[in-house]
Each structure stands twice: as C-alpha cells, then as structure tokens.
PDB file of N, CA and C in Angstrom:
ATOM      1  N   MET A   1       0.819  -1.182   0.000  1.00  0.00           N
ATOM      2  CA  MET A   1       0.000   0.000   0.000  1.00  0.00           C
ATOM      3  C   MET A   1       0.870   1.255   0.000  1.00  0.00           C
ATOM      4  N   LEU A   2       1.996   1.180   0.702  1.00  0.00           N
ATOM      5  CA  LEU A   2       2.880   2.342   0.750  1.00  0.00           C
ATOM      6  C   LEU A   2       3.488   2.634  -0.625  1.00  0.00           C
ATOM      7  N   VAL A   3       3.826   1.592  -1.366  1.00  0.00           N
ATOM      8  CA  VAL A   3       4.385   1.790  -2.707  1.00  0.00           C
ATOM      9  C   VAL A   3       3.339   2.420  -3.623  1.00  0.00           C
ATOM     10  N   THR A   4       2.093   1.959  -3.511  1.00  0.00           N
ATOM     11  CA  THR A   4       1.020   2.526  -4.322  1.00  0.00           C
ATOM     12  C   THR A   4       0.805   3.990  -3.956  1.00  0.00           C
ATOM     13  N   TYR A   5       0.797   4.291  -2.664  1.00  0.00           N
ATOM     14  CA  TYR A   5       0.630   5.665  -2.207  1.00  0.00           C
ATOM     15  C   TYR A   5       1.737   6.558  -2.768  1.00  0.00           C
ATOM     16  N   GLN A   6       2.991   6.103  -2.650  1.00  0.00           N
ATOM     17  CA  GLN A   6       4.112   6.905  -3.135  1.00  0.00           C
ATOM     18  C   GLN A   6       4.070   7.077  -4.653  1.00  0.00           C
ATOM     19  N   ALA A   7       3.676   6.031  -5.380  1.00  0.00           N
ATOM     20  CA  ALA A   7       3.592   6.124  -6.837  1.00  0.00           C
ATOM     21  C   ALA A   7       2.517   7.118  -7.259  1.00  0.00           C
ATOM     22  N   LEU A   8       1.370   7.099  -6.573  1.00  0.00           N
ATOM     23  CA  LEU A   8       0.316   8.054  -6.906  1.00  0.00           C
ATOM     24  C   LEU A   8       0.712   9.477  -6.545  1.00  0.00           C
ATOM     25  N   ARG A   9       1.362   9.663  -5.404  1.00  0.00           N
ATOM     26  CA  ARG A   9       1.829  10.998  -5.023  1.00  0.00           C
ATOM     27  C   ARG A   9       2.864  11.513  -6.022  1.00  0.00           C
ATOM     28  N   LEU A  10       3.728  10.631  -6.513  1.00  0.00           N
ATOM     29  CA  LEU A  10       4.719  11.028  -7.504  1.00  0.00           C
ATOM     30  C   LEU A  10       4.040  11.420  -8.817  1.00  0.00           C
ATOM     31  N   ALA A  11       3.031  10.651  -9.221  1.00  0.00           N
ATOM     32  CA  ALA A  11       2.290  10.982 -10.444  1.00  0.00           C
ATOM     33  C   ALA A  11       1.592  12.331 -10.294  1.00  0.00           C
ATOM     34  N   MET A  12       1.030  12.592  -9.112  1.00  0.00           N
ATOM     35  CA  MET A  12       0.361  13.862  -8.873  1.00  0.00           C
ATOM     36  C   MET A  12       1.369  15.019  -8.878  1.00  0.00           C
ATOM     37  N   ALA A  13       2.530  14.811  -8.270  1.00  0.00           N
ATOM     38  CA  ALA A  13       3.559  15.855  -8.222  1.00  0.00           C
ATOM     39  C   ALA A  13       4.099  16.142  -9.622  1.00  0.00           C
ATOM     40  N   ASP A  14       4.319  15.096 -10.410  1.00  0.00           N
ATOM     41  CA  ASP A  14       4.802  15.295 -11.777  1.00  0.00           C
ATOM     42  C   ASP A  14       3.767  16.024 -12.628  1.00  0.00           C
ATOM     43  N   ALA A  15       2.493  15.670 -12.447  1.00  0.00           N
ATOM     44  CA  ALA A  15       1.444  16.295 -13.240  1.00  0.00           C
ATOM     45  C   ALA A  15       1.289  17.768 -12.891  1.00  0.00           C
ATOM     46  N   THR A  16       1.278  18.095 -11.608  1.00  0.00           N
ATOM     47  CA  THR A  16       1.147  19.502 -11.236  1.00  0.00           C
ATOM     48  C   THR A  16       2.426  20.278 -11.522  1.00  0.00           C
ATOM     49  N   GLY A  17       3.554  19.585 -11.616  1.00  0.00           N
ATOM     50  CA  GLY A  17       4.805  20.247 -11.965  1.00  0.00           C
ATOM     51  C   GLY A  17       4.867  20.678 -13.419  1.00  0.00           C
ATOM     52  N   THR A  18       4.020  20.097 -14.271  1.00  0.00           N
ATOM     53  CA  THR A  18       4.001  20.496 -15.676  1.00  0.00           C
ATOM     54  C   THR A  18       3.312  21.834 -15.874  1.00  0.00           C
ATOM     55  N   ARG A  19       2.503  22.244 -14.905  1.00  0.00           N
ATOM     56  CA  ARG A  19       1.842  23.553 -14.947  1.00  0.00           C
ATOM     57  C   ARG A  19       2.442  24.437 -13.859  1.00  0.00           C
ATOM     58  N   SER A  20       2.941  25.576 -14.236  1.00  0.00           N
ATOM     59  CA  SER A  20       3.601  26.441 -13.257  1.00  0.00           C
ATOM     60  C   SER A  20       2.618  27.129 -12.324  1.00  0.00           C
ATOM     61  N   ASP A  21       1.346  27.258 -12.722  1.00  0.00           N
ATOM     62  CA  ASP A  21       0.380  27.979 -11.898  1.00  0.00           C
ATOM     63  C   ASP A  21      -0.443  27.062 -10.999  1.00  0.00           C
ATOM     64  N   THR A  22      -0.110  25.770 -10.937  1.00  0.00           N
ATOM     65  CA  THR A  22      -0.898  24.812 -10.174  1.00  0.00           C
ATOM     66  C   THR A  22      -0.121  24.339  -8.954  1.00  0.00           C
ATOM     67  N   ASP A  23      -0.755  24.421  -7.777  1.00  0.00           N
ATOM     68  CA  ASP A  23      -0.147  23.926  -6.546  1.00  0.00           C
ATOM     69  C   ASP A  23      -0.414  22.437  -6.402  1.00  0.00           C
ATOM     70  N   LEU A  24       0.499  21.749  -5.715  1.00  0.00           N
ATOM     71  CA  LEU A  24       0.356  20.307  -5.511  1.00  0.00           C
ATOM     72  C   LEU A  24      -0.855  19.980  -4.647  1.00  0.00           C
ATOM     73  N   ASP A  25      -1.212  20.861  -3.727  1.00  0.00           N
ATOM     74  CA  ASP A  25      -2.329  20.554  -2.837  1.00  0.00           C
ATOM     75  C   ASP A  25      -3.684  20.633  -3.521  1.00  0.00           C
ATOM     76  N   ARG A  26      -3.737  21.065  -4.764  1.00  0.00           N
ATOM     77  CA  ARG A  26      -5.006  21.076  -5.492  1.00  0.00           C
ATOM     78  C   ARG A  26      -5.327  19.721  -6.117  1.00  0.00           C
ATOM     79  N   ALA A  27      -4.325  18.862  -6.251  1.00  0.00           N
ATOM     80  CA  ALA A  27      -4.556  17.524  -6.803  1.00  0.00           C
ATOM     81  C   ALA A  27      -5.122  16.629  -5.707  1.00  0.00           C
ATOM     82  N   SER A  28      -6.167  15.914  -6.027  1.00  0.00           N
ATOM     83  CA  SER A  28      -6.845  15.079  -5.043  1.00  0.00           C
ATOM     84  C   SER A  28      -6.291  13.660  -5.089  1.00  0.00           C
ATOM     85  N   PHE A  29      -5.873  13.158  -3.923  1.00  0.00           N
ATOM     86  CA  PHE A  29      -5.375  11.784  -3.858  1.00  0.00           C
ATOM     87  C   PHE A  29      -6.496  10.799  -4.138  1.00  0.00           C
ATOM     88  N   SER A  30      -7.693  11.083  -3.643  1.00  0.00           N
ATOM     89  CA  SER A  30      -8.824  10.172  -3.857  1.00  0.00           C
ATOM     90  C   SER A  30      -9.152  10.037  -5.340  1.00  0.00           C
ATOM     91  N   SER A  31      -9.151  11.151  -6.057  1.00  0.00           N
ATOM     92  CA  SER A  31      -9.447  11.060  -7.489  1.00  0.00           C
ATOM     93  C   SER A  31      -8.312  10.355  -8.233  1.00  0.00           C
ATOM     94  N   ALA A  32      -7.051  10.585  -7.831  1.00  0.00           N
ATOM     95  CA  ALA A  32      -5.933   9.884  -8.471  1.00  0.00           C
ATOM     96  C   ALA A  32      -6.018   8.383  -8.215  1.00  0.00           C
ATOM     97  N   LEU A  33      -6.421   8.007  -7.006  1.00  0.00           N
ATOM     98  CA  LEU A  33      -6.583   6.589  -6.689  1.00  0.00           C
ATOM     99  C   LEU A  33      -7.704   5.966  -7.520  1.00  0.00           C
ATOM    100  N   ASN A  34      -8.815   6.677  -7.663  1.00  0.00           N
ATOM    101  CA  ASN A  34      -9.922   6.167  -8.486  1.00  0.00           C
ATOM    102  C   ASN A  34      -9.533   6.083  -9.954  1.00  0.00           C
ATOM    103  N   ILE A  35      -8.782   7.054 -10.435  1.00  0.00           N
ATOM    104  CA  ILE A  35      -8.322   7.033 -11.827  1.00  0.00           C
ATOM    105  C   ILE A  35      -7.403   5.840 -12.057  1.00  0.00           C
ATOM    106  N   ALA A  36      -6.453   5.615 -11.145  1.00  0.00           N
ATOM    107  CA  ALA A  36      -5.522   4.484 -11.285  1.00  0.00           C
ATOM    108  C   ALA A  36      -6.276   3.158 -11.225  1.00  0.00           C
ATOM    109  N   ARG A  37      -7.240   3.054 -10.320  1.00  0.00           N
ATOM    110  CA  ARG A  37      -8.030   1.831 -10.214  1.00  0.00           C
ATOM    111  C   ARG A  37      -8.812   1.574 -11.501  1.00  0.00           C
ATOM    112  N   ASP A  38      -9.439   2.619 -12.048  1.00  0.00           N
ATOM    113  CA  ASP A  38     -10.198   2.457 -13.282  1.00  0.00           C
ATOM    114  C   ASP A  38      -9.304   2.053 -14.447  1.00  0.00           C
ATOM    115  N   LEU A  39      -8.093   2.628 -14.511  1.00  0.00           N
ATOM    116  CA  LEU A  39      -7.166   2.269 -15.583  1.00  0.00           C
ATOM    117  C   LEU A  39      -6.713   0.819 -15.457  1.00  0.00           C
ATOM    118  N   LEU A  40      -6.528   0.346 -14.230  1.00  0.00           N
ATOM    119  CA  LEU A  40      -6.128  -1.053 -14.036  1.00  0.00           C
ATOM    120  C   LEU A  40      -7.264  -2.004 -14.385  1.00  0.00           C
ATOM    121  N   VAL A  41      -8.471  -1.650 -14.012  1.00  0.00           N
ATOM    122  CA  VAL A  41      -9.616  -2.509 -14.308  1.00  0.00           C
ATOM    123  C   VAL A  41      -9.858  -2.582 -15.807  1.00  0.00           C
ATOM    124  N   GLN A  42      -9.712  -1.449 -16.488  1.00  0.00           N
ATOM    125  CA  GLN A  42      -9.928  -1.407 -17.930  1.00  0.00           C
ATOM    126  C   GLN A  42      -8.719  -1.892 -18.719  1.00  0.00           C
ATOM    127  N   ALA A  43      -7.592  -2.079 -18.038  1.00  0.00           N
ATOM    128  CA  ALA A  43      -6.319  -2.446 -18.677  1.00  0.00           C
ATOM    129  C   ALA A  43      -5.959  -1.431 -19.760  1.00  0.00           C
ATOM    130  N   ALA A  44      -6.175  -0.153 -19.444  1.00  0.00           N
ATOM    131  CA  ALA A  44      -5.898   0.923 -20.389  1.00  0.00           C
ATOM    132  C   ALA A  44      -4.523   1.512 -20.109  1.00  0.00           C
ATOM    133  N   ALA A  45      -3.904   2.017 -21.138  1.00  0.00           N
ATOM    134  CA  ALA A  45      -2.610   2.709 -21.064  1.00  0.00           C
ATOM    135  C   ALA A  45      -1.531   1.832 -20.439  1.00  0.00           C
ATOM    136  N   ILE A  46      -1.512   0.556 -20.793  1.00  0.00           N
ATOM    137  CA  ILE A  46      -0.512  -0.351 -20.238  1.00  0.00           C
ATOM    138  C   ILE A  46       0.825  -0.172 -20.952  1.00  0.00           C
ATOM    139  N   PHE A  47       0.779  -0.085 -22.258  1.00  0.00           N
ATOM    140  CA  PHE A  47       2.006   0.026 -23.026  1.00  0.00           C
ATOM    141  C   PHE A  47       2.470   1.472 -23.039  1.00  0.00           C
ATOM    142  N   GLY A  48       3.763   1.661 -22.823  1.00  0.00           N
ATOM    143  CA  GLY A  48       4.327   3.005 -22.802  1.00  0.00           C
ATOM    144  C   GLY A  48       4.443   3.571 -24.203  1.00  0.00           C
ATOM    145  N   TYR A  49       4.535   4.857 -24.258  1.00  0.00           N
ATOM    146  CA  TYR A  49       4.689   5.534 -25.539  1.00  0.00           C
ATOM    147  C   TYR A  49       6.172   5.688 -25.841  1.00  0.00           C
ATOM    148  N   THR A  50       6.476   6.030 -27.082  1.00  0.00           N
ATOM    149  CA  THR A  50       7.877   6.193 -27.451  1.00  0.00           C
ATOM    150  C   THR A  50       8.443   7.487 -26.877  1.00  0.00           C
ATOM    151  N   THR A  51       7.593   8.482 -26.661  1.00  0.00           N
ATOM    152  CA  THR A  51       8.061   9.722 -26.045  1.00  0.00           C
ATOM    153  C   THR A  51       7.811   9.653 -24.539  1.00  0.00           C
ATOM    154  N   VAL A  52       8.646  10.342 -23.796  1.00  0.00           N
ATOM    155  CA  VAL A  52       8.506  10.352 -22.345  1.00  0.00           C
ATOM    156  C   VAL A  52       7.456  11.391 -21.971  1.00  0.00           C
ATOM    157  N   ASP A  53       6.424  10.939 -21.304  1.00  0.00           N
ATOM    158  CA  ASP A  53       5.348  11.824 -20.856  1.00  0.00           C
ATOM    159  C   ASP A  53       5.442  11.928 -19.349  1.00  0.00           C
ATOM    160  N   LEU A  54       5.906  13.066 -18.841  1.00  0.00           N
ATOM    161  CA  LEU A  54       6.146  13.227 -17.416  1.00  0.00           C
ATOM    162  C   LEU A  54       4.858  13.124 -16.605  1.00  0.00           C
ATOM    163  N   ALA A  55       3.790  13.687 -17.101  1.00  0.00           N
ATOM    164  CA  ALA A  55       2.533  13.657 -16.345  1.00  0.00           C
ATOM    165  C   ALA A  55       1.878  12.286 -16.409  1.00  0.00           C
ATOM    166  N   GLY A  56       1.939  11.611 -17.535  1.00  0.00           N
ATOM    167  CA  GLY A  56       1.342  10.296 -17.654  1.00  0.00           C
ATOM    168  C   GLY A  56      -0.171  10.350 -17.744  1.00  0.00           C
ATOM    169  N   THR A  57      -0.783   9.195 -17.921  1.00  0.00           N
ATOM    170  CA  THR A  57      -2.234   9.117 -18.075  1.00  0.00           C
ATOM    171  C   THR A  57      -2.941   9.493 -16.783  1.00  0.00           C
ATOM    172  N   ILE A  58      -2.454   8.973 -15.664  1.00  0.00           N
ATOM    173  CA  ILE A  58      -3.071   9.298 -14.376  1.00  0.00           C
ATOM    174  C   ILE A  58      -2.938  10.788 -14.101  1.00  0.00           C
ATOM    175  N   GLY A  59      -1.786  11.352 -14.378  1.00  0.00           N
ATOM    176  CA  GLY A  59      -1.554  12.769 -14.136  1.00  0.00           C
ATOM    177  C   GLY A  59      -2.440  13.670 -14.972  1.00  0.00           C
ATOM    178  N   HIS A  60      -2.590  13.334 -16.256  1.00  0.00           N
ATOM    179  CA  HIS A  60      -3.438  14.147 -17.129  1.00  0.00           C
ATOM    180  C   HIS A  60      -4.895  14.120 -16.666  1.00  0.00           C
ATOM    181  N   ARG A  61      -5.359  12.958 -16.261  1.00  0.00           N
ATOM    182  CA  ARG A  61      -6.740  12.868 -15.775  1.00  0.00           C
ATOM    183  C   ARG A  61      -6.893  13.543 -14.414  1.00  0.00           C
ATOM    184  N   ALA A  62      -5.861  13.488 -13.589  1.00  0.00           N
ATOM    185  CA  ALA A  62      -5.925  14.168 -12.291  1.00  0.00           C
ATOM    186  C   ALA A  62      -5.927  15.680 -12.468  1.00  0.00           C
ATOM    187  N   LEU A  63      -5.218  16.182 -13.479  1.00  0.00           N
ATOM    188  CA  LEU A  63      -5.229  17.617 -13.752  1.00  0.00           C
ATOM    189  C   LEU A  63      -6.599  18.089 -14.224  1.00  0.00           C
ATOM    190  N   ALA A  64      -7.355  17.194 -14.835  1.00  0.00           N
ATOM    191  CA  ALA A  64      -8.695  17.561 -15.292  1.00  0.00           C
ATOM    192  C   ALA A  64      -9.679  17.676 -14.135  1.00  0.00           C
ATOM    193  N   SER A  65      -9.341  17.084 -12.986  1.00  0.00           N
ATOM    194  CA  SER A  65     -10.263  17.119 -11.845  1.00  0.00           C
ATOM    195  C   SER A  65      -9.593  17.740 -10.622  1.00  0.00           C
ATOM    196  N   LEU A  66      -9.019  18.922 -10.800  1.00  0.00           N
ATOM    197  CA  LEU A  66      -8.353  19.605  -9.691  1.00  0.00           C
ATOM    198  C   LEU A  66      -9.368  20.168  -8.703  1.00  0.00           C
ATOM    199  N   MET A  67      -8.964  20.233  -7.452  1.00  0.00           N
ATOM    200  CA  MET A  67      -9.793  20.840  -6.425  1.00  0.00           C
ATOM    201  C   MET A  67      -9.616  22.357  -6.486  1.00  0.00           C
ATOM    202  N   PRO A  68     -10.554  23.120  -5.898  1.00  0.00           N
ATOM    203  CA  PRO A  68     -10.386  24.578  -5.910  1.00  0.00           C
ATOM    204  C   PRO A  68      -9.181  25.000  -5.076  1.00  0.00           C
ATOM    205  N   ALA A  69      -8.657  26.182  -5.364  1.00  0.00           N
ATOM    206  CA  ALA A  69      -7.496  26.691  -4.629  1.00  0.00           C
ATOM    207  C   ALA A  69      -7.862  26.922  -3.171  1.00  0.00           C
ATOM    208  N   ARG A  70      -6.884  26.719  -2.287  1.00  0.00           N
ATOM    209  CA  ARG A  70      -7.127  26.917  -0.860  1.00  0.00           C
ATOM    210  C   ARG A  70      -7.266  28.396  -0.535  1.00  0.00           C
ATOM    211  N   ARG A  71      -8.053  28.669   0.491  1.00  0.00           N
ATOM    212  CA  ARG A  71      -8.186  30.039   0.957  1.00  0.00           C
ATOM    213  C   ARG A  71      -6.915  30.446   1.694  1.00  0.00           C
ATOM    214  N   VAL A  72      -6.641  31.717   1.700  1.00  0.00           N
ATOM    215  CA  VAL A  72      -5.492  32.233   2.419  1.00  0.00           C
ATOM    216  C   VAL A  72      -5.848  32.261   3.905  1.00  0.00           C
ATOM    217  N   ARG A  73      -4.929  31.816   4.742  1.00  0.00           N
ATOM    218  CA  ARG A  73      -5.172  31.831   6.187  1.00  0.00           C
ATOM    219  C   ARG A  73      -5.227  33.263   6.693  1.00  0.00           C
ATOM    220  N   THR A  74      -6.219  33.526   7.533  1.00  0.00           N
ATOM    221  CA  THR A  74      -6.315  34.850   8.133  1.00  0.00           C
ATOM    222  C   THR A  74      -5.647  34.883   9.494  1.00  0.00           C
ATOM    223  N   ARG A  75      -5.528  33.723  10.116  1.00  0.00           N
ATOM    224  CA  ARG A  75      -4.893  33.618  11.421  1.00  0.00           C
ATOM    225  C   ARG A  75      -3.929  32.441  11.409  1.00  0.00           C
ATOM    226  N   PRO A  76      -2.893  32.501  12.231  1.00  0.00           N
ATOM    227  CA  PRO A  76      -1.965  31.357  12.272  1.00  0.00           C
ATOM    228  C   PRO A  76      -2.632  30.129  12.895  1.00  0.00           C
ATOM    229  N   CYS A  77      -2.148  28.988  12.516  1.00  0.00           N
ATOM    230  CA  CYS A  77      -2.664  27.732  13.048  1.00  0.00           C
ATOM    231  C   CYS A  77      -2.251  27.622  14.516  1.00  0.00           C
ATOM    232  N   ALA A  78      -3.189  27.323  15.393  1.00  0.00           N
ATOM    233  CA  ALA A  78      -2.889  27.247  16.826  1.00  0.00           C
ATOM    234  C   ALA A  78      -3.519  25.992  17.408  1.00  0.00           C
ATOM    235  N   ALA A  79      -2.778  25.329  18.264  1.00  0.00           N
ATOM    236  CA  ALA A  79      -3.302  24.143  18.931  1.00  0.00           C
ATOM    237  C   ALA A  79      -4.113  24.594  20.140  1.00  0.00           C
ATOM    238  N   LYS A  80      -5.287  24.025  20.270  1.00  0.00           N
ATOM    239  CA  LYS A  80      -6.132  24.397  21.399  1.00  0.00           C
ATOM    240  C   LYS A  80      -5.847  23.482  22.573  1.00  0.00           C
ATOM    241  N   ARG A  81      -5.948  24.047  23.740  1.00  0.00           N
ATOM    242  CA  ARG A  81      -5.682  23.314  24.966  1.00  0.00           C
ATOM    243  C   ARG A  81      -7.005  22.821  25.537  1.00  0.00           C
ATOM    244  N   ALA A  82      -7.009  21.618  26.060  1.00  0.00           N
ATOM    245  CA  ALA A  82      -8.208  21.069  26.666  1.00  0.00           C
ATOM    246  C   ALA A  82      -8.577  21.878  27.904  1.00  0.00           C
ATOM    247  N   ILE A  83      -9.850  22.076  28.080  1.00  0.00           N
ATOM    248  CA  ILE A  83     -10.321  22.849  29.230  1.00  0.00           C
ATOM    249  C   ILE A  83     -10.371  21.930  30.447  1.00  0.00           C
ATOM    250  N   SER A  84      -9.761  22.385  31.512  1.00  0.00           N
ATOM    251  CA  SER A  84      -9.738  21.612  32.746  1.00  0.00           C
ATOM    252  C   SER A  84     -10.180  22.512  33.889  1.00  0.00           C
ATOM    253  N   LYS A  85     -10.946  21.948  34.813  1.00  0.00           N
ATOM    254  CA  LYS A  85     -11.372  22.757  35.954  1.00  0.00           C
ATOM    255  C   LYS A  85     -10.292  22.825  37.028  1.00  0.00           C
ATOM    256  N   TYR A  86      -9.194  22.127  36.837  1.00  0.00           N
ATOM    257  CA  TYR A  86      -8.090  22.123  37.792  1.00  0.00           C
ATOM    258  C   TYR A  86      -6.925  22.914  37.232  1.00  0.00           C
ATOM    259  N   ASN A  87      -6.273  23.673  38.055  1.00  0.00           N
ATOM    260  CA  ASN A  87      -5.092  24.419  37.644  1.00  0.00           C
ATOM    261  C   ASN A  87      -3.901  23.475  37.545  1.00  0.00           C
ATOM    262  N   ALA A  88      -3.008  23.779  36.636  1.00  0.00           N
ATOM    263  CA  ALA A  88      -1.810  22.963  36.493  1.00  0.00           C
ATOM    264  C   ALA A  88      -0.886  23.219  37.672  1.00  0.00           C
ATOM    265  N   LYS A  89      -0.239  22.162  38.120  1.00  0.00           N
ATOM    266  CA  LYS A  89       0.696  22.301  39.242  1.00  0.00           C
ATOM    267  C   LYS A  89       2.046  22.761  38.732  1.00  0.00           C
ATOM    268  N   GLY A  90       2.645  23.687  39.426  1.00  0.00           N
ATOM    269  CA  GLY A  90       3.971  24.156  39.048  1.00  0.00           C
ATOM    270  C   GLY A  90       3.910  25.134  37.887  1.00  0.00           C
ATOM    271  N   ALA A  91       5.071  25.497  37.419  1.00  0.00           N
ATOM    272  CA  ALA A  91       5.175  26.430  36.295  1.00  0.00           C
ATOM    273  C   ALA A  91       4.966  25.678  34.986  1.00  0.00           C
ATOM    274  N   VAL A  92       4.082  26.185  34.166  1.00  0.00           N
ATOM    275  CA  VAL A  92       3.791  25.566  32.873  1.00  0.00           C
ATOM    276  C   VAL A  92       4.371  26.454  31.784  1.00  0.00           C
ATOM    277  N   ASP A  93       5.242  25.880  30.975  1.00  0.00           N
ATOM    278  CA  ASP A  93       5.865  26.610  29.875  1.00  0.00           C
ATOM    279  C   ASP A  93       4.952  26.518  28.659  1.00  0.00           C
ATOM    280  N   ARG A  94       4.333  27.632  28.292  1.00  0.00           N
ATOM    281  CA  ARG A  94       3.389  27.635  27.172  1.00  0.00           C
ATOM    282  C   ARG A  94       3.964  28.315  25.927  1.00  0.00           C
ATOM    283  N   THR A  95       5.257  28.525  25.904  1.00  0.00           N
ATOM    284  CA  THR A  95       5.861  29.127  24.724  1.00  0.00           C
ATOM    285  C   THR A  95       6.028  28.055  23.660  1.00  0.00           C
ATOM    286  N   SER A  96       5.943  28.473  22.414  1.00  0.00           N
ATOM    287  CA  SER A  96       6.123  27.524  21.318  1.00  0.00           C
ATOM    288  C   SER A  96       7.538  27.647  20.771  1.00  0.00           C
ATOM    289  N   TYR A  97       8.095  26.534  20.396  1.00  0.00           N
ATOM    290  CA  TYR A  97       9.456  26.481  19.892  1.00  0.00           C
ATOM    291  C   TYR A  97       9.446  25.905  18.488  1.00  0.00           C
ATOM    292  N   LYS A  98      10.347  26.398  17.667  1.00  0.00           N
ATOM    293  CA  LYS A  98      10.484  25.861  16.318  1.00  0.00           C
ATOM    294  C   LYS A  98      11.231  24.543  16.377  1.00  0.00           C
ATOM    295  N   ALA A  99      10.735  23.578  15.627  1.00  0.00           N
ATOM    296  CA  ALA A  99      11.380  22.267  15.599  1.00  0.00           C
ATOM    297  C   ALA A  99      12.325  22.193  14.413  1.00  0.00           C
ATOM    298  N   THR A 100      13.470  21.603  14.627  1.00  0.00           N
ATOM    299  CA  THR A 100      14.450  21.388  13.573  1.00  0.00           C
ATOM    300  C   THR A 100      14.783  19.905  13.534  1.00  0.00           C
ATOM    301  N   ILE A 101      14.695  19.346  12.340  1.00  0.00           N
ATOM    302  CA  ILE A 101      14.981  17.922  12.174  1.00  0.00           C
ATOM    303  C   ILE A 101      16.213  17.790  11.298  1.00  0.00           C
ATOM    304  N   ASP A 102      17.204  17.090  11.801  1.00  0.00           N
ATOM    305  CA  ASP A 102      18.415  16.806  11.046  1.00  0.00           C
ATOM    306  C   ASP A 102      18.465  15.311  10.759  1.00  0.00           C
ATOM    307  N   VAL A 103      18.756  14.975   9.512  1.00  0.00           N
ATOM    308  CA  VAL A 103      18.866  13.580   9.123  1.00  0.00           C
ATOM    309  C   VAL A 103      20.298  13.327   8.702  1.00  0.00           C
ATOM    310  N   LEU A 104      20.920  12.375   9.316  1.00  0.00           N
ATOM    311  CA  LEU A 104      22.302  12.015   9.001  1.00  0.00           C
ATOM    312  C   LEU A 104      22.291  10.598   8.440  1.00  0.00           C
ATOM    313  N   THR A 105      22.731  10.458   7.216  1.00  0.00           N
ATOM    314  CA  THR A 105      22.801   9.129   6.612  1.00  0.00           C
ATOM    315  C   THR A 105      24.251   8.708   6.532  1.00  0.00           C
ATOM    316  N   THR A 106      24.505   7.512   6.936  1.00  0.00           N
ATOM    317  CA  THR A 106      25.861   6.982   6.864  1.00  0.00           C
ATOM    318  C   THR A 106      25.827   5.721   6.028  1.00  0.00           C
ATOM    319  N   ARG A 107      26.900   5.495   5.373  1.00  0.00           N
ATOM    320  CA  ARG A 107      27.005   4.309   4.514  1.00  0.00           C
ATOM    321  C   ARG A 107      28.083   3.414   5.102  1.00  0.00           C
ATOM    322  N   THR A 108      27.715   2.197   5.402  1.00  0.00           N
ATOM    323  CA  THR A 108      28.690   1.260   5.932  1.00  0.00           C
ATOM    324  C   THR A 108      29.004   0.228   4.853  1.00  0.00           C
ATOM    325  N   PRO A 109      30.248  -0.142   4.747  1.00  0.00           N
ATOM    326  CA  PRO A 109      30.625  -1.104   3.675  1.00  0.00           C
ATOM    327  C   PRO A 109      30.116  -2.491   3.941  1.00  0.00           C
TER     328      PRO A 109
END
C-alpha cells in the first residue's frame, strides 16, 4: 500500500509540476486513486509511448479534476488546549518552539 501511495503521489507531483500555476495541494489523492483503479480494471494505457510523458495518463486525468485553490489563512494555526477545571501544578511553559529535524545518513561497507 505504501508503494502505491508513493507512486500516486509522484504521479500527482509530476502532473502539477508540468503547470507552473498549479499547486500540488489542489490535486486530489482520492481522485488519483480512483483514476488508477479504473485504468487497471480497464487495462488501459498499459504500453508506454515512445516519447517520455512526465505527467502520464493518471496525471493528465488528475489535472482535469483539480480541487479549488485553498483560501489564504487569516490567522496562524494554533493548537487548542483542553479545558480543565483544575489548575496545572507548578510552572507551565506555554511558549512555542520551532522544531528542527536533522537527518544524518551513513554508509557502511
């Protein structure tokens, strides 16, 4: 399932990358999954073409069914705290910190 998910996400990214004015978040994973399923059931577009088509059949059909553009956020995203009738004990640090993730890959012989 993970390979299928990654393949569909790659097809969606390649398809939206062919249009400079289209964001990746406008492509629907559900519609791409339905398109891929329908193509497999129909056994359509199995043989590759002689030219390299970056968007592919799934990508072209996904571009035809794009979702509307997202609205611009008016307020920053904030996590809400559960309401409790009891006060927290001790000092509670409620400041938010930026997270940084470092990935180190090593190759062993």
